[in-house]
Structure formats: C-alpha cells, structure tokens
Protein backbone atom coordinates (compact mmCIF):
# COMPACT_ATOMS: atom_id res chain seq x y z
CA MET A 1 1.54 9.95 -0.16
CA LYS A 2 1.61 6.18 0.18
CA LEU A 3 -1.78 4.46 0.14
CA LEU A 4 -2.72 0.99 1.35
CA ILE A 5 -5.32 -0.82 -0.73
CA ARG A 6 -6.94 -3.86 0.90
CA ASN A 7 -9.56 -6.44 -0.09
CA LEU A 8 -8.41 -6.62 -3.71
CA ALA A 9 -9.55 -9.57 -5.82
CA ARG A 10 -6.69 -12.05 -6.15
CA THR A 11 -7.01 -11.63 -9.92
CA THR A 12 -6.40 -7.85 -9.88
CA THR A 13 -3.12 -6.93 -11.59
CA GLU A 14 -0.69 -4.09 -10.87
CA ALA A 15 -1.59 -2.57 -14.24
CA GLU A 16 -5.31 -2.55 -13.33
CA LEU A 17 -4.55 -1.03 -9.94
CA ARG A 18 -2.35 1.67 -11.50
CA THR A 19 -5.06 2.53 -14.05
CA LEU A 20 -7.66 2.80 -11.30
CA PHE A 21 -5.56 5.35 -9.38
CA GLU A 22 -4.21 7.24 -12.41
CA ALA A 23 -7.78 8.41 -13.00
CA HIS A 24 -7.25 10.58 -9.89
CA GLY A 25 -3.73 11.84 -10.54
CA ALA A 26 -0.09 10.92 -10.98
CA VAL A 27 1.02 7.53 -9.67
CA GLN A 28 4.65 7.28 -8.60
CA SER A 29 4.62 3.56 -7.84
CA CYS A 30 2.20 0.67 -7.63
CA THR A 31 2.95 -2.64 -5.93
CA LEU A 32 0.83 -5.71 -5.26
CA VAL A 33 1.95 -7.86 -2.34
CA ILE A 34 2.71 -11.34 -3.68
CA ASP A 35 2.65 -14.61 -1.72
CA LYS A 36 6.15 -16.12 -1.99
CA LYS A 37 4.88 -19.71 -1.90
CA THR A 38 2.05 -19.48 -4.44
CA GLY A 39 3.24 -16.54 -6.54
CA GLY A 40 -0.29 -15.12 -6.37
CA SER A 41 -1.58 -11.85 -4.98
CA LYS A 42 -2.26 -11.65 -1.25
CA GLY A 43 -5.19 -9.31 -1.94
CA PHE A 44 -3.56 -6.03 -0.96
CA GLY A 45 -1.04 -3.56 -2.28
CA PHE A 46 0.38 -0.06 -2.15
CA VAL A 47 0.09 2.93 -4.45
CA GLU A 48 2.29 5.98 -4.05
CA MET A 49 0.95 9.32 -5.31
CA PRO A 50 3.31 12.34 -5.16
CA LYS A 51 0.55 14.96 -4.73
CA PRO A 52 -1.31 14.69 -1.38
CA GLY A 53 -4.42 16.39 -2.79
CA GLU A 54 -4.73 13.79 -5.55
CA ALA A 55 -4.09 10.97 -3.08
CA LYS A 56 -6.83 12.25 -0.76
CA ALA A 57 -9.24 12.51 -3.70
CA ALA A 58 -8.41 8.92 -4.66
CA ILE A 59 -9.06 7.75 -1.08
CA LYS A 60 -12.40 9.55 -0.97
CA THR A 61 -13.54 8.24 -4.35
CA LEU A 62 -12.17 4.69 -4.30
CA ASN A 63 -12.64 3.60 -0.67
CA GLY A 64 -15.59 1.20 -0.68
CA LYS A 65 -15.69 0.98 -4.50
CA ASP A 66 -16.55 -2.36 -6.05
CA VAL A 67 -13.57 -3.61 -8.07
CA ALA A 68 -13.79 -7.08 -9.66
CA GLY A 69 -16.54 -8.05 -7.22
CA ASN A 70 -14.74 -6.87 -4.07
CA LYS A 71 -15.33 -3.68 -2.09
CA ILE A 72 -11.81 -2.32 -1.80
CA ARG A 73 -10.58 -0.37 1.21
CA VAL A 74 -8.22 2.54 0.60
CA LYS A 75 -6.42 4.53 3.29
CA LYS A 76 -3.17 6.31 3.95
CA ALA A 77 -0.46 3.74 4.67
CA GLU A 78 1.00 3.98 8.15
CA SER A 79 4.78 4.09 8.17
CA LYS A 80 6.17 0.88 9.62
CA PRO A 81 8.69 1.44 12.40
CA LEU A 82 12.11 0.29 11.27
CA GLU A 83 13.43 -1.84 14.08
CA SER A 84 16.37 -4.10 13.49
CA LYS A 85 18.11 -6.16 16.18
CA GLU A 86 20.71 -3.42 16.58
CA GLU A 87 18.14 -0.65 16.96
CA SER A 88 15.94 -2.49 19.45
CA GLY A 89 18.58 -2.29 22.16
CA ASN A 90 21.91 -0.75 22.90
CA ARG A 91 24.97 -2.46 21.50
CA ASP A 92 27.38 -2.32 24.42
CA GLY A 93 25.07 -3.17 27.33
CA SER A 94 25.66 0.18 29.06
CA GLY A 95 22.09 1.42 28.66
CA LYS A 96 23.37 4.34 26.59
CA GLU A 97 23.40 4.79 22.84
C-alpha cells in the first residue's frame, strides 16, 4: 500500500522517514519529493508498504505525530490518473477508440 506523508520538516531525510515507518512493518520504498530548483525537500513524500495491515497500523499510529517539530499527516496515497495527450482524446478524430 502506498502512503502519502505530508507536512514533513524540510530537514527530514529519506533514511529518517524509512526508520519511522519500519517500526510498523516492512518498507518496500521510501521517497521524499525534492524541489528541482533548490534541491531541498518539498515537505512531503511517499512510503510503500507491501502488507496492507502494517500500512494501516502505520497510518493509525503516525498520523498527527510530531516529527522534528511538525505534526505529520499520513494517509493512503490516491492513485493519480495516467492521462497523456494520446489518452485524453481519440487519435483519428472519429470519436471512437
């Protein structure tokens, strides 16, 4: 299950985030979202946990927890609709796929 973690301190590292979630179960991946211009954290990231039960326990325990002076928000990540230019309309103009 992919989790969205918001309101992270800009100083929080991926390693710290991973450690925080590993206390609740296996962590498949951990990614901080980085600002391309500054190279610094944007204050949110994603953690993927393979076992839904462990992910739900992490949400329940960590949502609202104070981490580095910030109350983090943890929830299930919504899947982003994949919509490219090709997929947003038909290719031949006929109205049919």
